[in-house]
Amino acid sequence: MIVRELAKPTTKIVYKEQKQPTSGQEEQELELSSESLSEFLSIAQKFHEKGIFRITSALLDNSDDVSRALINWMAEPDNVRFIKNVALLYGVLKDANSEKLRTFALSFNEALEVASAEMEKEKKIGIVGLAKTLNDPDVNRGIRAMIGLLRGFGKATRK
Protein backbone atom coordinates (compact mmCIF):
# COMPACT_ATOMS: atom_id res chain seq x y z
CA MET A 1 0.00 0.00 0.00
CA ILE A 2 2.74 2.48 0.95
CA VAL A 3 4.86 1.33 -1.97
CA ARG A 4 2.01 2.01 -4.41
CA GLU A 5 1.59 5.57 -3.15
CA LEU A 6 5.30 6.22 -3.48
CA ALA A 7 5.30 4.79 -6.97
CA LYS A 8 2.53 7.09 -8.27
CA PRO A 9 3.74 9.70 -10.71
CA THR A 10 3.73 13.34 -9.67
CA THR A 11 0.99 15.12 -11.51
CA LYS A 12 0.81 18.42 -9.69
CA ILE A 13 3.61 20.64 -8.35
CA VAL A 14 2.72 23.18 -5.69
CA TYR A 15 5.13 26.04 -5.27
CA LYS A 16 5.36 27.76 -1.91
CA GLU A 17 5.26 31.48 -2.14
CA GLN A 18 8.15 33.34 -0.53
CA LYS A 19 6.80 35.75 2.03
CA GLN A 20 8.13 39.27 1.66
CA PRO A 21 8.23 41.58 4.66
CA THR A 22 5.11 43.66 4.50
CA SER A 23 5.82 46.29 7.09
CA GLY A 24 8.65 48.40 8.39
CA GLN A 25 8.31 46.65 11.75
CA GLU A 26 9.10 43.24 10.22
CA GLU A 27 12.13 44.75 8.47
CA GLN A 28 13.34 46.19 11.79
CA GLU A 29 12.86 42.81 13.46
CA LEU A 30 14.89 41.11 10.72
CA GLU A 31 17.61 43.75 11.03
CA LEU A 32 17.68 43.35 14.82
CA SER A 33 17.84 39.56 14.50
CA SER A 34 20.69 39.90 12.04
CA GLU A 35 22.52 42.29 14.38
CA SER A 36 22.00 39.97 17.36
CA LEU A 37 23.25 36.97 15.40
CA SER A 38 26.30 38.94 14.30
CA GLU A 39 27.10 39.92 17.91
CA PHE A 40 26.60 36.34 19.09
CA LEU A 41 28.95 35.02 16.41
CA SER A 42 31.51 37.68 17.36
CA ILE A 43 31.39 36.55 21.00
CA ALA A 44 31.61 32.91 19.95
CA GLN A 45 34.69 33.77 17.85
CA LYS A 46 36.34 35.43 20.87
CA PHE A 47 35.56 32.37 23.01
CA HIS A 48 37.14 30.21 20.33
CA GLU A 49 40.24 32.42 20.12
CA LYS A 50 40.69 32.35 23.91
CA GLY A 51 40.32 28.55 23.96
CA ILE A 52 37.22 28.63 26.14
CA PHE A 53 35.36 26.12 23.95
CA ARG A 54 38.38 23.78 23.95
CA ILE A 55 38.72 23.99 27.75
CA THR A 56 34.98 23.53 28.30
CA SER A 57 34.94 20.57 25.95
CA ALA A 58 37.90 18.97 27.75
CA LEU A 59 36.22 19.53 31.13
CA LEU A 60 33.01 17.94 29.90
CA ASP A 61 34.87 15.03 28.28
CA ASN A 62 36.74 14.40 31.55
CA SER A 63 34.06 15.48 34.00
CA ASP A 64 34.36 12.35 36.16
CA ASP A 65 38.12 12.81 36.56
CA VAL A 66 37.74 16.55 37.15
CA SER A 67 35.05 15.98 39.79
CA ARG A 68 37.13 13.32 41.52
CA ALA A 69 40.22 15.59 41.58
CA LEU A 70 38.19 18.53 42.91
CA ILE A 71 36.59 16.43 45.65
CA ASN A 72 39.98 15.00 46.64
CA TRP A 73 41.44 18.52 46.81
CA MET A 74 38.51 19.73 48.91
CA ALA A 75 38.90 16.80 51.32
CA GLU A 76 42.49 17.70 52.30
CA PRO A 77 42.53 19.15 55.86
CA ASP A 78 44.25 22.43 54.89
CA ASN A 79 41.75 22.98 52.10
CA VAL A 80 38.77 22.15 54.32
CA ARG A 81 39.98 24.81 56.75
CA PHE A 82 40.52 27.25 53.87
CA ILE A 83 36.98 26.66 52.54
CA LYS A 84 35.50 27.14 56.03
CA ASN A 85 37.47 30.37 56.49
CA VAL A 86 36.35 31.71 53.11
CA ALA A 87 32.72 30.88 53.97
CA LEU A 88 33.13 32.61 57.33
CA LEU A 89 34.68 35.70 55.73
CA TYR A 90 31.89 35.77 53.16
CA GLY A 91 29.32 35.71 55.96
CA VAL A 92 31.06 38.56 57.78
CA LEU A 93 31.68 40.68 54.69
CA LYS A 94 28.21 40.31 53.20
CA ASP A 95 26.73 41.92 56.31
CA ALA A 96 29.40 44.60 56.73
CA ASN A 97 28.78 48.24 55.88
CA SER A 98 30.89 48.54 52.74
CA GLU A 99 31.74 52.25 53.16
CA LYS A 100 32.92 51.80 56.75
CA LEU A 101 34.82 48.66 55.81
CA ARG A 102 36.45 50.48 52.88
CA THR A 103 37.53 53.34 55.13
CA PHE A 104 38.92 50.91 57.70
CA ALA A 105 40.74 48.82 55.07
CA LEU A 106 42.34 51.85 53.42
CA SER A 107 43.32 53.21 56.83
CA PHE A 108 44.82 49.86 57.75
CA ASN A 109 47.04 49.88 54.65
CA GLU A 110 48.36 53.33 55.54
CA ALA A 111 48.81 52.26 59.17
CA LEU A 112 50.93 49.31 58.03
CA GLU A 113 53.22 51.68 56.15
CA VAL A 114 53.66 53.95 59.17
CA ALA A 115 54.15 50.97 61.50
CA SER A 116 56.76 49.51 59.18
CA ALA A 117 58.69 52.80 59.14
CA GLU A 118 58.49 53.08 62.96
CA MET A 119 59.78 49.52 63.42
CA GLU A 120 62.95 50.37 61.50
CA LYS A 121 63.83 53.04 64.07
CA GLU A 122 65.98 51.89 66.99
CA LYS A 123 64.77 54.72 69.22
CA LYS A 124 63.18 53.55 72.49
CA ILE A 125 59.99 55.18 73.66
CA GLY A 126 59.59 55.87 77.37
CA ILE A 127 56.62 56.79 79.54
CA VAL A 128 57.06 60.51 78.79
CA GLY A 129 57.32 59.85 75.04
CA LEU A 130 54.23 57.65 75.19
CA ALA A 131 52.30 60.38 77.04
CA LYS A 132 53.38 62.96 74.45
CA THR A 133 52.15 60.78 71.58
CA LEU A 134 48.69 60.79 73.15
CA ASN A 135 48.50 64.49 72.27
CA ASP A 136 49.03 63.66 68.57
CA PRO A 137 45.55 63.92 66.96
CA ASP A 138 46.25 60.93 64.67
CA VAL A 139 47.34 58.73 67.59
CA ASN A 140 44.36 59.88 69.63
CA ARG A 141 41.95 59.10 66.75
CA GLY A 142 43.57 55.68 66.30
CA ILE A 143 43.28 54.87 70.00
CA ARG A 144 39.61 55.89 70.01
CA ALA A 145 39.04 53.65 66.96
CA MET A 146 40.78 50.71 68.65
CA ILE A 147 38.84 51.25 71.88
CA GLY A 148 35.61 51.32 69.85
CA LEU A 149 36.67 48.13 68.08
CA LEU A 150 37.43 46.46 71.43
CA ARG A 151 34.08 47.64 72.85
CA GLY A 152 32.19 46.27 69.86
CA PHE A 153 34.10 43.01 70.00
CA GLY A 154 33.38 42.68 73.71
CA LYS A 155 29.66 43.29 73.18
CA ALA A 156 29.53 40.75 70.36
CA THR A 157 31.26 38.04 72.41
CA ARG A 158 28.87 38.59 75.32
CA LYS A 159 25.85 37.58 73.22
C-alpha atoms as a PDB file:
ATOM      1  CA  MET A   1       0.000   0.000   0.000  1.00  0.00           C
ATOM      2  CA  ILE A   2       2.743   2.479   0.949  1.00  0.00           C
ATOM      3  CA  VAL A   3       4.856   1.329  -1.972  1.00  0.00           C
ATOM      4  CA  ARG A   4       2.010   2.007  -4.409  1.00  0.00           C
ATOM      5  CA  GLU A   5       1.586   5.572  -3.154  1.00  0.00           C
ATOM      6  CA  LEU A   6       5.298   6.220  -3.484  1.00  0.00           C
ATOM      7  CA  ALA A   7       5.297   4.789  -6.973  1.00  0.00           C
ATOM      8  CA  LYS A   8       2.531   7.090  -8.268  1.00  0.00           C
ATOM      9  CA  PRO A   9       3.735   9.701 -10.706  1.00  0.00           C
ATOM     10  CA  THR A  10       3.733  13.341  -9.669  1.00  0.00           C
ATOM     11  CA  THR A  11       0.989  15.122 -11.505  1.00  0.00           C
ATOM     12  CA  LYS A  12       0.806  18.420  -9.687  1.00  0.00           C
ATOM     13  CA  ILE A  13       3.613  20.637  -8.351  1.00  0.00           C
ATOM     14  CA  VAL A  14       2.717  23.179  -5.690  1.00  0.00           C
ATOM     15  CA  TYR A  15       5.133  26.045  -5.265  1.00  0.00           C
ATOM     16  CA  LYS A  16       5.358  27.761  -1.909  1.00  0.00           C
ATOM     17  CA  GLU A  17       5.262  31.484  -2.138  1.00  0.00           C
ATOM     18  CA  GLN A  18       8.151  33.338  -0.530  1.00  0.00           C
ATOM     19  CA  LYS A  19       6.800  35.745   2.027  1.00  0.00           C
ATOM     20  CA  GLN A  20       8.126  39.269   1.664  1.00  0.00           C
ATOM     21  CA  PRO A  21       8.231  41.577   4.660  1.00  0.00           C
ATOM     22  CA  THR A  22       5.107  43.659   4.498  1.00  0.00           C
ATOM     23  CA  SER A  23       5.815  46.291   7.086  1.00  0.00           C
ATOM     24  CA  GLY A  24       8.646  48.400   8.393  1.00  0.00           C
ATOM     25  CA  GLN A  25       8.312  46.653  11.754  1.00  0.00           C
ATOM     26  CA  GLU A  26       9.096  43.244  10.216  1.00  0.00           C
ATOM     27  CA  GLU A  27      12.128  44.746   8.470  1.00  0.00           C
ATOM     28  CA  GLN A  28      13.335  46.191  11.787  1.00  0.00           C
ATOM     29  CA  GLU A  29      12.864  42.806  13.464  1.00  0.00           C
ATOM     30  CA  LEU A  30      14.891  41.111  10.724  1.00  0.00           C
ATOM     31  CA  GLU A  31      17.609  43.750  11.028  1.00  0.00           C
ATOM     32  CA  LEU A  32      17.682  43.355  14.821  1.00  0.00           C
ATOM     33  CA  SER A  33      17.844  39.560  14.498  1.00  0.00           C
ATOM     34  CA  SER A  34      20.694  39.900  12.039  1.00  0.00           C
ATOM     35  CA  GLU A  35      22.518  42.294  14.384  1.00  0.00           C
ATOM     36  CA  SER A  36      22.005  39.968  17.363  1.00  0.00           C
ATOM     37  CA  LEU A  37      23.245  36.973  15.401  1.00  0.00           C
ATOM     38  CA  SER A  38      26.302  38.938  14.302  1.00  0.00           C
ATOM     39  CA  GLU A  39      27.100  39.923  17.914  1.00  0.00           C
ATOM     40  CA  PHE A  40      26.595  36.339  19.088  1.00  0.00           C
ATOM     41  CA  LEU A  41      28.951  35.019  16.412  1.00  0.00           C
ATOM     42  CA  SER A  42      31.507  37.676  17.361  1.00  0.00           C
ATOM     43  CA  ILE A  43      31.388  36.553  20.998  1.00  0.00           C
ATOM     44  CA  ALA A  44      31.613  32.906  19.947  1.00  0.00           C
ATOM     45  CA  GLN A  45      34.687  33.766  17.845  1.00  0.00           C
ATOM     46  CA  LYS A  46      36.340  35.426  20.867  1.00  0.00           C
ATOM     47  CA  PHE A  47      35.563  32.371  23.009  1.00  0.00           C
ATOM     48  CA  HIS A  48      37.144  30.208  20.329  1.00  0.00           C
ATOM     49  CA  GLU A  49      40.243  32.418  20.122  1.00  0.00           C
ATOM     50  CA  LYS A  50      40.694  32.347  23.911  1.00  0.00           C
ATOM     51  CA  GLY A  51      40.319  28.554  23.964  1.00  0.00           C
ATOM     52  CA  ILE A  52      37.216  28.625  26.143  1.00  0.00           C
ATOM     53  CA  PHE A  53      35.364  26.120  23.953  1.00  0.00           C
ATOM     54  CA  ARG A  54      38.376  23.777  23.948  1.00  0.00           C
ATOM     55  CA  ILE A  55      38.717  23.994  27.746  1.00  0.00           C
ATOM     56  CA  THR A  56      34.979  23.530  28.296  1.00  0.00           C
ATOM     57  CA  SER A  57      34.940  20.566  25.947  1.00  0.00           C
ATOM     58  CA  ALA A  58      37.904  18.970  27.748  1.00  0.00           C
ATOM     59  CA  LEU A  59      36.223  19.530  31.131  1.00  0.00           C
ATOM     60  CA  LEU A  60      33.012  17.937  29.897  1.00  0.00           C
ATOM     61  CA  ASP A  61      34.870  15.032  28.282  1.00  0.00           C
ATOM     62  CA  ASN A  62      36.741  14.396  31.546  1.00  0.00           C
ATOM     63  CA  SER A  63      34.056  15.482  33.999  1.00  0.00           C
ATOM     64  CA  ASP A  64      34.358  12.348  36.156  1.00  0.00           C
ATOM     65  CA  ASP A  65      38.116  12.808  36.561  1.00  0.00           C
ATOM     66  CA  VAL A  66      37.741  16.547  37.148  1.00  0.00           C
ATOM     67  CA  SER A  67      35.045  15.976  39.791  1.00  0.00           C
ATOM     68  CA  ARG A  68      37.128  13.324  41.515  1.00  0.00           C
ATOM     69  CA  ALA A  69      40.216  15.586  41.581  1.00  0.00           C
ATOM     70  CA  LEU A  70      38.190  18.525  42.914  1.00  0.00           C
ATOM     71  CA  ILE A  71      36.589  16.428  45.648  1.00  0.00           C
ATOM     72  CA  ASN A  72      39.984  14.997  46.644  1.00  0.00           C
ATOM     73  CA  TRP A  73      41.435  18.517  46.807  1.00  0.00           C
ATOM     74  CA  MET A  74      38.506  19.733  48.912  1.00  0.00           C
ATOM     75  CA  ALA A  75      38.903  16.797  51.324  1.00  0.00           C
ATOM     76  CA  GLU A  76      42.490  17.705  52.295  1.00  0.00           C
ATOM     77  CA  PRO A  77      42.531  19.154  55.858  1.00  0.00           C
ATOM     78  CA  ASP A  78      44.254  22.429  54.894  1.00  0.00           C
ATOM     79  CA  ASN A  79      41.752  22.982  52.098  1.00  0.00           C
ATOM     80  CA  VAL A  80      38.767  22.146  54.320  1.00  0.00           C
ATOM     81  CA  ARG A  81      39.979  24.807  56.755  1.00  0.00           C
ATOM     82  CA  PHE A  82      40.515  27.253  53.869  1.00  0.00           C
ATOM     83  CA  ILE A  83      36.978  26.657  52.544  1.00  0.00           C
ATOM     84  CA  LYS A  84      35.498  27.135  56.026  1.00  0.00           C
ATOM     85  CA  ASN A  85      37.466  30.372  56.487  1.00  0.00           C
ATOM     86  CA  VAL A  86      36.350  31.710  53.109  1.00  0.00           C
ATOM     87  CA  ALA A  87      32.722  30.881  53.966  1.00  0.00           C
ATOM     88  CA  LEU A  88      33.125  32.611  57.332  1.00  0.00           C
ATOM     89  CA  LEU A  89      34.678  35.698  55.732  1.00  0.00           C
ATOM     90  CA  TYR A  90      31.891  35.769  53.157  1.00  0.00           C
ATOM     91  CA  GLY A  91      29.320  35.710  55.963  1.00  0.00           C
ATOM     92  CA  VAL A  92      31.062  38.560  57.783  1.00  0.00           C
ATOM     93  CA  LEU A  93      31.681  40.680  54.692  1.00  0.00           C
ATOM     94  CA  LYS A  94      28.207  40.313  53.197  1.00  0.00           C
ATOM     95  CA  ASP A  95      26.726  41.922  56.306  1.00  0.00           C
ATOM     96  CA  ALA A  96      29.400  44.604  56.730  1.00  0.00           C
ATOM     97  CA  ASN A  97      28.778  48.236  55.880  1.00  0.00           C
ATOM     98  CA  SER A  98      30.892  48.544  52.740  1.00  0.00           C
ATOM     99  CA  GLU A  99      31.741  52.248  53.161  1.00  0.00           C
ATOM    100  CA  LYS A 100      32.917  51.803  56.754  1.00  0.00           C
ATOM    101  CA  LEU A 101      34.818  48.657  55.810  1.00  0.00           C
ATOM    102  CA  ARG A 102      36.449  50.481  52.880  1.00  0.00           C
ATOM    103  CA  THR A 103      37.535  53.344  55.126  1.00  0.00           C
ATOM    104  CA  PHE A 104      38.919  50.914  57.700  1.00  0.00           C
ATOM    105  CA  ALA A 105      40.738  48.817  55.074  1.00  0.00           C
ATOM    106  CA  LEU A 106      42.337  51.853  53.424  1.00  0.00           C
ATOM    107  CA  SER A 107      43.318  53.213  56.833  1.00  0.00           C
ATOM    108  CA  PHE A 108      44.816  49.857  57.749  1.00  0.00           C
ATOM    109  CA  ASN A 109      47.040  49.883  54.654  1.00  0.00           C
ATOM    110  CA  GLU A 110      48.360  53.325  55.541  1.00  0.00           C
ATOM    111  CA  ALA A 111      48.814  52.256  59.171  1.00  0.00           C
ATOM    112  CA  LEU A 112      50.931  49.309  58.034  1.00  0.00           C
ATOM    113  CA  GLU A 113      53.221  51.683  56.147  1.00  0.00           C
ATOM    114  CA  VAL A 114      53.662  53.955  59.170  1.00  0.00           C
ATOM    115  CA  ALA A 115      54.147  50.972  61.500  1.00  0.00           C
ATOM    116  CA  SER A 116      56.761  49.506  59.180  1.00  0.00           C
ATOM    117  CA  ALA A 117      58.691  52.804  59.145  1.00  0.00           C
ATOM    118  CA  GLU A 118      58.494  53.076  62.960  1.00  0.00           C
ATOM    119  CA  MET A 119      59.783  49.521  63.423  1.00  0.00           C
ATOM    120  CA  GLU A 120      62.950  50.375  61.496  1.00  0.00           C
ATOM    121  CA  LYS A 121      63.830  53.036  64.071  1.00  0.00           C
ATOM    122  CA  GLU A 122      65.983  51.894  66.988  1.00  0.00           C
ATOM    123  CA  LYS A 123      64.767  54.718  69.222  1.00  0.00           C
ATOM    124  CA  LYS A 124      63.182  53.549  72.488  1.00  0.00           C
ATOM    125  CA  ILE A 125      59.991  55.176  73.663  1.00  0.00           C
ATOM    126  CA  GLY A 126      59.588  55.869  77.371  1.00  0.00           C
ATOM    127  CA  ILE A 127      56.624  56.791  79.535  1.00  0.00           C
ATOM    128  CA  VAL A 128      57.058  60.507  78.787  1.00  0.00           C
ATOM    129  CA  GLY A 129      57.320  59.854  75.037  1.00  0.00           C
ATOM    130  CA  LEU A 130      54.228  57.655  75.186  1.00  0.00           C
ATOM    131  CA  ALA A 131      52.299  60.375  77.044  1.00  0.00           C
ATOM    132  CA  LYS A 132      53.384  62.956  74.449  1.00  0.00           C
ATOM    133  CA  THR A 133      52.147  60.781  71.582  1.00  0.00           C
ATOM    134  CA  LEU A 134      48.687  60.789  73.154  1.00  0.00           C
ATOM    135  CA  ASN A 135      48.502  64.491  72.266  1.00  0.00           C
ATOM    136  CA  ASP A 136      49.028  63.659  68.565  1.00  0.00           C
ATOM    137  CA  PRO A 137      45.549  63.925  66.957  1.00  0.00           C
ATOM    138  CA  ASP A 138      46.245  60.927  64.666  1.00  0.00           C
ATOM    139  CA  VAL A 139      47.342  58.733  67.593  1.00  0.00           C
ATOM    140  CA  ASN A 140      44.356  59.881  69.630  1.00  0.00           C
ATOM    141  CA  ARG A 141      41.950  59.099  66.754  1.00  0.00           C
ATOM    142  CA  GLY A 142      43.569  55.678  66.302  1.00  0.00           C
ATOM    143  CA  ILE A 143      43.284  54.866  70.003  1.00  0.00           C
ATOM    144  CA  ARG A 144      39.613  55.894  70.006  1.00  0.00           C
ATOM    145  CA  ALA A 145      39.040  53.652  66.963  1.00  0.00           C
ATOM    146  CA  MET A 146      40.780  50.711  68.651  1.00  0.00           C
ATOM    147  CA  ILE A 147      38.837  51.247  71.881  1.00  0.00           C
ATOM    148  CA  GLY A 148      35.610  51.321  69.854  1.00  0.00           C
ATOM    149  CA  LEU A 149      36.666  48.133  68.079  1.00  0.00           C
ATOM    150  CA  LEU A 150      37.429  46.462  71.425  1.00  0.00           C
ATOM    151  CA  ARG A 151      34.079  47.644  72.845  1.00  0.00           C
ATOM    152  CA  GLY A 152      32.188  46.271  69.865  1.00  0.00           C
ATOM    153  CA  PHE A 153      34.103  43.007  70.002  1.00  0.00           C
ATOM    154  CA  GLY A 154      33.381  42.685  73.709  1.00  0.00           C
ATOM    155  CA  LYS A 155      29.657  43.288  73.185  1.00  0.00           C
ATOM    156  CA  ALA A 156      29.528  40.749  70.358  1.00  0.00           C
ATOM    157  CA  THR A 157      31.259  38.044  72.411  1.00  0.00           C
ATOM    158  CA  ARG A 158      28.875  38.588  75.323  1.00  0.00           C
ATOM    159  CA  LYS A 159      25.851  37.583  73.218  1.00  0.00           C
END
